[in-house]
Amino acid sequence: MTMRLIGAACCLLATVSVLAAPAQAAPPPCEDMLEQLRAALATATPSDTDKAAITDLQAKGIERCNADDDKRADDFFAQALKLLGK
């Protein structure tokens, strides 16, 4: 009976520690950020220099998005949006 109690206590402790752990928030889907960037580009008129940088950041973001690396893709898209003043 003692082993059964120890096993039950370990199980309970493991369950409580899992439930008490803070949840990690997943980054938003990169497709959402890409949509925002494309909408901003449709109405913006960036300089030629900024346009080249934005196009480069967009391409890098799409590459990372296709590789399921949402966090890095979103970082590239955010940099592009910042150049657009968004």
PDB file of N, CA and C in Angstrom:
ATOM      1  N   MET A   1       0.820  -1.193   0.000  1.00  0.00           N
ATOM      2  CA  MET A   1       0.000   0.000   0.000  1.00  0.00           C
ATOM      3  C   MET A   1       0.865   1.257   0.000  1.00  0.00           C
ATOM      4  N   THR A   2       1.999   1.219   0.689  1.00  0.00           N
ATOM      5  CA  THR A   2       2.880   2.381   0.733  1.00  0.00           C
ATOM      6  C   THR A   2       3.388   2.723  -0.662  1.00  0.00           C
ATOM      7  N   MET A   3       3.757   1.733  -1.467  1.00  0.00           N
ATOM      8  CA  MET A   3       4.234   1.984  -2.821  1.00  0.00           C
ATOM      9  C   MET A   3       3.126   2.596  -3.678  1.00  0.00           C
ATOM     10  N   ARG A   4       1.918   2.135  -3.444  1.00  0.00           N
ATOM     11  CA  ARG A   4       0.783   2.669  -4.199  1.00  0.00           C
ATOM     12  C   ARG A   4       0.574   4.146  -3.863  1.00  0.00           C
ATOM     13  N   LEU A   5       0.709   4.503  -2.585  1.00  0.00           N
ATOM     14  CA  LEU A   5       0.565   5.904  -2.172  1.00  0.00           C
ATOM     15  C   LEU A   5       1.685   6.767  -2.742  1.00  0.00           C
ATOM     16  N   ILE A   6       2.897   6.235  -2.743  1.00  0.00           N
ATOM     17  CA  ILE A   6       4.029   6.987  -3.291  1.00  0.00           C
ATOM     18  C   ILE A   6       3.819   7.210  -4.795  1.00  0.00           C
ATOM     19  N   GLY A   7       3.379   6.186  -5.502  1.00  0.00           N
ATOM     20  CA  GLY A   7       3.109   6.304  -6.933  1.00  0.00           C
ATOM     21  C   GLY A   7       2.024   7.327  -7.208  1.00  0.00           C
ATOM     22  N   ALA A   8       0.960   7.294  -6.415  1.00  0.00           N
ATOM     23  CA  ALA A   8      -0.136   8.240  -6.594  1.00  0.00           C
ATOM     24  C   ALA A   8       0.331   9.664  -6.304  1.00  0.00           C
ATOM     25  N   ALA A   9       1.158   9.816  -5.272  1.00  0.00           N
ATOM     26  CA  ALA A   9       1.667  11.136  -4.924  1.00  0.00           C
ATOM     27  C   ALA A   9       2.562  11.678  -6.041  1.00  0.00           C
ATOM     28  N   CYS A  10       3.401  10.823  -6.617  1.00  0.00           N
ATOM     29  CA  CYS A  10       4.270  11.259  -7.724  1.00  0.00           C
ATOM     30  C   CYS A  10       3.442  11.667  -8.937  1.00  0.00           C
ATOM     31  N   CYS A  11       2.404  10.887  -9.207  1.00  0.00           N
ATOM     32  CA  CYS A  11       1.524  11.199 -10.339  1.00  0.00           C
ATOM     33  C   CYS A  11       0.839  12.545 -10.123  1.00  0.00           C
ATOM     34  N   LEU A  12       0.345  12.761  -8.941  1.00  0.00           N
ATOM     35  CA  LEU A  12      -0.333  14.011  -8.610  1.00  0.00           C
ATOM     36  C   LEU A  12       0.633  15.185  -8.708  1.00  0.00           C
ATOM     37  N   LEU A  13       1.839  15.017  -8.207  1.00  0.00           N
ATOM     38  CA  LEU A  13       2.844  16.073  -8.252  1.00  0.00           C
ATOM     39  C   LEU A  13       3.213  16.414  -9.695  1.00  0.00           C
ATOM     40  N   ALA A  14       3.360  15.412 -10.527  1.00  0.00           N
ATOM     41  CA  ALA A  14       3.683  15.650 -11.938  1.00  0.00           C
ATOM     42  C   ALA A  14       2.548  16.395 -12.628  1.00  0.00           C
ATOM     43  N   THR A  15       1.319  16.025 -12.348  1.00  0.00           N
ATOM     44  CA  THR A  15       0.165  16.684 -12.955  1.00  0.00           C
ATOM     45  C   THR A  15       0.084  18.148 -12.535  1.00  0.00           C
ATOM     46  N   VAL A  16       0.293  18.410 -11.256  1.00  0.00           N
ATOM     47  CA  VAL A  16       0.229  19.777 -10.746  1.00  0.00           C
ATOM     48  C   VAL A  16       1.339  20.622 -11.358  1.00  0.00           C
ATOM     49  N   SER A  17       2.535  20.070 -11.489  1.00  0.00           N
ATOM     50  CA  SER A  17       3.637  20.868 -12.050  1.00  0.00           C
ATOM     51  C   SER A  17       3.398  21.194 -13.516  1.00  0.00           C
ATOM     52  N   VAL A  18       2.775  20.284 -14.252  1.00  0.00           N
ATOM     53  CA  VAL A  18       2.458  20.561 -15.655  1.00  0.00           C
ATOM     54  C   VAL A  18       1.393  21.637 -15.755  1.00  0.00           C
ATOM     55  N   LEU A  19       0.379  21.557 -14.921  1.00  0.00           N
ATOM     56  CA  LEU A  19      -0.700  22.543 -14.958  1.00  0.00           C
ATOM     57  C   LEU A  19      -0.240  23.914 -14.481  1.00  0.00           C
ATOM     58  N   ALA A  20       0.735  23.959 -13.600  1.00  0.00           N
ATOM     59  CA  ALA A  20       1.197  25.224 -13.049  1.00  0.00           C
ATOM     60  C   ALA A  20       2.193  25.919 -13.973  1.00  0.00           C
ATOM     61  N   ALA A  21       2.761  25.218 -14.933  1.00  0.00           N
ATOM     62  CA  ALA A  21       3.735  25.819 -15.840  1.00  0.00           C
ATOM     63  C   ALA A  21       3.041  26.865 -16.719  1.00  0.00           C
ATOM     64  N   PRO A  22       3.671  28.030 -16.886  1.00  0.00           N
ATOM     65  CA  PRO A  22       3.049  29.057 -17.726  1.00  0.00           C
ATOM     66  C   PRO A  22       3.003  28.604 -19.183  1.00  0.00           C
ATOM     67  N   ALA A  23       1.931  28.924 -19.834  1.00  0.00           N
ATOM     68  CA  ALA A  23       1.761  28.539 -21.235  1.00  0.00           C
ATOM     69  C   ALA A  23       2.571  29.479 -22.117  1.00  0.00           C
ATOM     70  N   GLN A  24       3.258  28.935 -23.082  1.00  0.00           N
ATOM     71  CA  GLN A  24       4.014  29.730 -24.042  1.00  0.00           C
ATOM     72  C   GLN A  24       3.064  30.141 -25.165  1.00  0.00           C
ATOM     73  N   ALA A  25       2.993  31.414 -25.418  1.00  0.00           N
ATOM     74  CA  ALA A  25       2.123  31.894 -26.486  1.00  0.00           C
ATOM     75  C   ALA A  25       2.803  31.660 -27.829  1.00  0.00           C
ATOM     76  N   ALA A  26       2.085  31.077 -28.732  1.00  0.00           N
ATOM     77  CA  ALA A  26       2.621  30.843 -30.065  1.00  0.00           C
ATOM     78  C   ALA A  26       2.589  32.147 -30.859  1.00  0.00           C
ATOM     79  N   PRO A  27       3.583  32.342 -31.708  1.00  0.00           N
ATOM     80  CA  PRO A  27       3.549  33.553 -32.522  1.00  0.00           C
ATOM     81  C   PRO A  27       2.353  33.511 -33.472  1.00  0.00           C
ATOM     82  N   PRO A  28       1.877  34.679 -33.874  1.00  0.00           N
ATOM     83  CA  PRO A  28       0.748  34.669 -34.818  1.00  0.00           C
ATOM     84  C   PRO A  28       1.176  34.020 -36.125  1.00  0.00           C
ATOM     85  N   PRO A  29       0.247  33.442 -36.857  1.00  0.00           N
ATOM     86  CA  PRO A  29       0.612  32.818 -38.134  1.00  0.00           C
ATOM     87  C   PRO A  29       1.263  33.846 -39.060  1.00  0.00           C
ATOM     88  N   CYS A  30       2.344  33.438 -39.701  1.00  0.00           N
ATOM     89  CA  CYS A  30       3.077  34.371 -40.562  1.00  0.00           C
ATOM     90  C   CYS A  30       2.219  34.830 -41.742  1.00  0.00           C
ATOM     91  N   GLU A  31       1.259  34.016 -42.133  1.00  0.00           N
ATOM     92  CA  GLU A  31       0.376  34.416 -43.234  1.00  0.00           C
ATOM     93  C   GLU A  31      -0.414  35.679 -42.884  1.00  0.00           C
ATOM     94  N   ASP A  32      -0.758  35.835 -41.598  1.00  0.00           N
ATOM     95  CA  ASP A  32      -1.483  37.035 -41.164  1.00  0.00           C
ATOM     96  C   ASP A  32      -0.616  38.288 -41.326  1.00  0.00           C
ATOM     97  N   MET A  33       0.642  38.170 -40.911  1.00  0.00           N
ATOM     98  CA  MET A  33       1.553  39.317 -41.033  1.00  0.00           C
ATOM     99  C   MET A  33       1.830  39.626 -42.508  1.00  0.00           C
ATOM    100  N   LEU A  34       1.952  38.599 -43.330  1.00  0.00           N
ATOM    101  CA  LEU A  34       2.183  38.810 -44.759  1.00  0.00           C
ATOM    102  C   LEU A  34       0.997  39.539 -45.381  1.00  0.00           C
ATOM    103  N   GLU A  35      -0.192  39.173 -44.969  1.00  0.00           N
ATOM    104  CA  GLU A  35      -1.405  39.842 -45.457  1.00  0.00           C
ATOM    105  C   GLU A  35      -1.399  41.323 -45.067  1.00  0.00           C
ATOM    106  N   GLN A  36      -0.995  41.611 -43.831  1.00  0.00           N
ATOM    107  CA  GLN A  36      -0.904  43.006 -43.371  1.00  0.00           C
ATOM    108  C   GLN A  36       0.119  43.779 -44.203  1.00  0.00           C
ATOM    109  N   LEU A  37       1.258  43.148 -44.466  1.00  0.00           N
ATOM    110  CA  LEU A  37       2.301  43.810 -45.250  1.00  0.00           C
ATOM    111  C   LEU A  37       1.812  44.088 -46.666  1.00  0.00           C
ATOM    112  N   ARG A  38       1.171  43.123 -47.278  1.00  0.00           N
ATOM    113  CA  ARG A  38       0.668  43.316 -48.646  1.00  0.00           C
ATOM    114  C   ARG A  38      -0.389  44.418 -48.702  1.00  0.00           C
ATOM    115  N   ALA A  39      -1.249  44.488 -47.680  1.00  0.00           N
ATOM    116  CA  ALA A  39      -2.261  45.543 -47.628  1.00  0.00           C
ATOM    117  C   ALA A  39      -1.597  46.909 -47.464  1.00  0.00           C
ATOM    118  N   ALA A  40      -0.566  46.981 -46.640  1.00  0.00           N
ATOM    119  CA  ALA A  40       0.139  48.246 -46.438  1.00  0.00           C
ATOM    120  C   ALA A  40       0.870  48.664 -47.710  1.00  0.00           C
ATOM    121  N   LEU A  41       1.451  47.699 -48.417  1.00  0.00           N
ATOM    122  CA  LEU A  41       2.148  48.008 -49.673  1.00  0.00           C
ATOM    123  C   LEU A  41       1.200  48.525 -50.744  1.00  0.00           C
ATOM    124  N   ALA A  42      -0.039  48.061 -50.721  1.00  0.00           N
ATOM    125  CA  ALA A  42      -1.019  48.464 -51.730  1.00  0.00           C
ATOM    126  C   ALA A  42      -1.353  49.942 -51.644  1.00  0.00           C
ATOM    127  N   THR A  43      -1.213  50.522 -50.459  1.00  0.00           N
ATOM    128  CA  THR A  43      -1.585  51.927 -50.275  1.00  0.00           C
ATOM    129  C   THR A  43      -0.389  52.842 -50.042  1.00  0.00           C
ATOM    130  N   ALA A  44       0.808  52.272 -49.949  1.00  0.00           N
ATOM    131  CA  ALA A  44       1.989  53.080 -49.624  1.00  0.00           C
ATOM    132  C   ALA A  44       2.764  53.447 -50.890  1.00  0.00           C
ATOM    133  N   THR A  45       3.547  54.493 -50.753  1.00  0.00           N
ATOM    134  CA  THR A  45       4.452  54.896 -51.840  1.00  0.00           C
ATOM    135  C   THR A  45       5.849  55.109 -51.239  1.00  0.00           C
ATOM    136  N   PRO A  46       6.552  54.018 -50.950  1.00  0.00           N
ATOM    137  CA  PRO A  46       7.880  54.163 -50.350  1.00  0.00           C
ATOM    138  C   PRO A  46       8.903  54.647 -51.386  1.00  0.00           C
ATOM    139  N   SER A  47       9.990  55.182 -50.870  1.00  0.00           N
ATOM    140  CA  SER A  47      11.074  55.607 -51.762  1.00  0.00           C
ATOM    141  C   SER A  47      11.680  54.373 -52.427  1.00  0.00           C
ATOM    142  N   ASP A  48      12.459  54.587 -53.484  1.00  0.00           N
ATOM    143  CA  ASP A  48      13.073  53.463 -54.190  1.00  0.00           C
ATOM    144  C   ASP A  48      13.976  52.653 -53.262  1.00  0.00           C
ATOM    145  N   THR A  49      14.707  53.345 -52.399  1.00  0.00           N
ATOM    146  CA  THR A  49      15.599  52.661 -51.456  1.00  0.00           C
ATOM    147  C   THR A  49      14.789  51.810 -50.484  1.00  0.00           C
ATOM    148  N   ASP A  50      13.746  52.410 -49.910  1.00  0.00           N
ATOM    149  CA  ASP A  50      12.900  51.665 -48.980  1.00  0.00           C
ATOM    150  C   ASP A  50      12.181  50.524 -49.692  1.00  0.00           C
ATOM    151  N   LYS A  51      11.738  50.761 -50.908  1.00  0.00           N
ATOM    152  CA  LYS A  51      11.026  49.726 -51.667  1.00  0.00           C
ATOM    153  C   LYS A  51      11.916  48.496 -51.867  1.00  0.00           C
ATOM    154  N   ALA A  52      13.200  48.723 -52.183  1.00  0.00           N
ATOM    155  CA  ALA A  52      14.134  47.608 -52.365  1.00  0.00           C
ATOM    156  C   ALA A  52      14.322  46.840 -51.054  1.00  0.00           C
ATOM    157  N   ALA A  53      14.464  47.577 -49.948  1.00  0.00           N
ATOM    158  CA  ALA A  53      14.635  46.930 -48.642  1.00  0.00           C
ATOM    159  C   ALA A  53      13.372  46.156 -48.257  1.00  0.00           C
ATOM    160  N   ILE A  54      12.212  46.740 -48.518  1.00  0.00           N
ATOM    161  CA  ILE A  54      10.944  46.094 -48.183  1.00  0.00           C
ATOM    162  C   ILE A  54      10.765  44.821 -49.012  1.00  0.00           C
ATOM    163  N   THR A  55      11.087  44.890 -50.294  1.00  0.00           N
ATOM    164  CA  THR A  55      10.981  43.715 -51.153  1.00  0.00           C
ATOM    165  C   THR A  55      11.897  42.596 -50.663  1.00  0.00           C
ATOM    166  N   ASP A  56      13.116  42.963 -50.247  1.00  0.00           N
ATOM    167  CA  ASP A  56      14.062  41.984 -49.714  1.00  0.00           C
ATOM    168  C   ASP A  56      13.540  41.357 -48.422  1.00  0.00           C
ATOM    169  N   LEU A  57      13.033  42.194 -47.517  1.00  0.00           N
ATOM    170  CA  LEU A  57      12.485  41.686 -46.247  1.00  0.00           C
ATOM    171  C   LEU A  57      11.266  40.803 -46.494  1.00  0.00           C
ATOM    172  N   GLN A  58      10.437  41.184 -47.452  1.00  0.00           N
ATOM    173  CA  GLN A  58       9.264  40.383 -47.776  1.00  0.00           C
ATOM    174  C   GLN A  58       9.690  39.007 -48.304  1.00  0.00           C
ATOM    175  N   ALA A  59      10.681  38.980 -49.172  1.00  0.00           N
ATOM    176  CA  ALA A  59      11.161  37.703 -49.727  1.00  0.00           C
ATOM    177  C   ALA A  59      11.737  36.809 -48.624  1.00  0.00           C
ATOM    178  N   LYS A  60      12.519  37.412 -47.727  1.00  0.00           N
ATOM    179  CA  LYS A  60      13.079  36.638 -46.613  1.00  0.00           C
ATOM    180  C   LYS A  60      11.959  36.115 -45.711  1.00  0.00           C
ATOM    181  N   GLY A  61      10.963  36.946 -45.466  1.00  0.00           N
ATOM    182  CA  GLY A  61       9.839  36.534 -44.627  1.00  0.00           C
ATOM    183  C   GLY A  61       9.054  35.392 -45.248  1.00  0.00           C
ATOM    184  N   ILE A  62       8.816  35.477 -46.553  1.00  0.00           N
ATOM    185  CA  ILE A  62       8.084  34.409 -47.242  1.00  0.00           C
ATOM    186  C   ILE A  62       8.877  33.110 -47.185  1.00  0.00           C
ATOM    187  N   GLU A  63      10.195  33.209 -47.360  1.00  0.00           N
ATOM    188  CA  GLU A  63      11.044  32.010 -47.277  1.00  0.00           C
ATOM    189  C   GLU A  63      10.921  31.351 -45.908  1.00  0.00           C
ATOM    190  N   ARG A  64      10.985  32.156 -44.839  1.00  0.00           N
ATOM    191  CA  ARG A  64      10.887  31.605 -43.482  1.00  0.00           C
ATOM    192  C   ARG A  64       9.474  31.091 -43.212  1.00  0.00           C
ATOM    193  N   CYS A  65       8.477  31.780 -43.753  1.00  0.00           N
ATOM    194  CA  CYS A  65       7.087  31.360 -43.576  1.00  0.00           C
ATOM    195  C   CYS A  65       6.869  29.995 -44.227  1.00  0.00           C
ATOM    196  N   ASN A  66       7.414  29.808 -45.425  1.00  0.00           N
ATOM    197  CA  ASN A  66       7.291  28.523 -46.112  1.00  0.00           C
ATOM    198  C   ASN A  66       8.013  27.402 -45.364  1.00  0.00           C
ATOM    199  N   ALA A  67       9.014  27.773 -44.559  1.00  0.00           N
ATOM    200  CA  ALA A  67       9.762  26.792 -43.770  1.00  0.00           C
ATOM    201  C   ALA A  67       9.121  26.585 -42.386  1.00  0.00           C
ATOM    202  N   ASP A  68       7.925  27.139 -42.184  1.00  0.00           N
ATOM    203  CA  ASP A  68       7.205  27.044 -40.895  1.00  0.00           C
ATOM    204  C   ASP A  68       7.981  27.663 -39.734  1.00  0.00           C
ATOM    205  N   ASP A  69       8.734  28.710 -40.021  1.00  0.00           N
ATOM    206  CA  ASP A  69       9.461  29.463 -39.000  1.00  0.00           C
ATOM    207  C   ASP A  69       8.719  30.789 -38.821  1.00  0.00           C
ATOM    208  N   ASP A  70       7.535  30.714 -38.214  1.00  0.00           N
ATOM    209  CA  ASP A  70       6.657  31.877 -38.111  1.00  0.00           C
ATOM    210  C   ASP A  70       7.304  33.047 -37.383  1.00  0.00           C
ATOM    211  N   LYS A  71       8.045  32.765 -36.329  1.00  0.00           N
ATOM    212  CA  LYS A  71       8.622  33.850 -35.539  1.00  0.00           C
ATOM    213  C   LYS A  71       9.590  34.684 -36.378  1.00  0.00           C
ATOM    214  N   ARG A  72      10.517  34.037 -37.066  1.00  0.00           N
ATOM    215  CA  ARG A  72      11.477  34.788 -37.882  1.00  0.00           C
ATOM    216  C   ARG A  72      10.790  35.449 -39.061  1.00  0.00           C
ATOM    217  N   ALA A  73       9.809  34.778 -39.652  1.00  0.00           N
ATOM    218  CA  ALA A  73       9.059  35.388 -40.756  1.00  0.00           C
ATOM    219  C   ALA A  73       8.372  36.658 -40.279  1.00  0.00           C
ATOM    220  N   ASP A  74       7.713  36.571 -39.122  1.00  0.00           N
ATOM    221  CA  ASP A  74       7.027  37.744 -38.580  1.00  0.00           C
ATOM    222  C   ASP A  74       8.005  38.878 -38.287  1.00  0.00           C
ATOM    223  N   ASP A  75       9.232  38.533 -37.860  1.00  0.00           N
ATOM    224  CA  ASP A  75      10.245  39.565 -37.615  1.00  0.00           C
ATOM    225  C   ASP A  75      10.587  40.308 -38.907  1.00  0.00           C
ATOM    226  N   PHE A  76      10.756  39.572 -40.006  1.00  0.00           N
ATOM    227  CA  PHE A  76      11.051  40.213 -41.292  1.00  0.00           C
ATOM    228  C   PHE A  76       9.882  41.087 -41.739  1.00  0.00           C
ATOM    229  N   PHE A  77       8.663  40.558 -41.598  1.00  0.00           N
ATOM    230  CA  PHE A  77       7.486  41.337 -42.012  1.00  0.00           C
ATOM    231  C   PHE A  77       7.326  42.586 -41.146  1.00  0.00           C
ATOM    232  N   ALA A  78       7.615  42.480 -39.855  1.00  0.00           N
ATOM    233  CA  ALA A  78       7.510  43.633 -38.958  1.00  0.00           C
ATOM    234  C   ALA A  78       8.528  44.713 -39.348  1.00  0.00           C
ATOM    235  N   GLN A  79       9.729  44.294 -39.732  1.00  0.00           N
ATOM    236  CA  GLN A  79      10.735  45.271 -40.170  1.00  0.00           C
ATOM    237  C   GLN A  79      10.264  45.996 -41.434  1.00  0.00           C
ATOM    238  N   ALA A  80       9.668  45.242 -42.344  1.00  0.00           N
ATOM    239  CA  ALA A  80       9.159  45.850 -43.578  1.00  0.00           C
ATOM    240  C   ALA A  80       8.032  46.830 -43.269  1.00  0.00           C
ATOM    241  N   LEU A  81       7.127  46.438 -42.369  1.00  0.00           N
ATOM    242  CA  LEU A  81       6.030  47.326 -41.983  1.00  0.00           C
ATOM    243  C   LEU A  81       6.562  48.594 -41.321  1.00  0.00           C
ATOM    244  N   LYS A  82       7.625  48.446 -40.556  1.00  0.00           N
ATOM    245  CA  LYS A  82       8.222  49.611 -39.891  1.00  0.00           C
ATOM    246  C   LYS A  82       8.771  50.599 -40.936  1.00  0.00           C
ATOM    247  N   LEU A  83       9.375  50.060 -41.985  1.00  0.00           N
ATOM    248  CA  LEU A  83       9.867  50.940 -43.057  1.00  0.00           C
ATOM    249  C   LEU A  83       8.712  51.671 -43.747  1.00  0.00           C
ATOM    250  N   LEU A  84       7.549  51.045 -43.748  1.00  0.00           N
ATOM    251  CA  LEU A  84       6.357  51.673 -44.335  1.00  0.00           C
ATOM    252  C   LEU A  84       5.684  52.632 -43.363  1.00  0.00           C
ATOM    253  N   GLY A  85       6.198  52.691 -42.131  1.00  0.00           N
ATOM    254  CA  GLY A  85       5.589  53.570 -41.126  1.00  0.00           C
ATOM    255  C   GLY A  85       4.361  52.985 -40.488  1.00  0.00           C
ATOM    256  N   LYS A  86       4.208  51.693 -40.540  1.00  0.00           N
ATOM    257  CA  LYS A  86       3.026  51.021 -39.965  1.00  0.00           C
ATOM    258  C   LYS A  86       3.371  50.336 -38.677  1.00  0.00           C
TER     259      LYS A  86
END
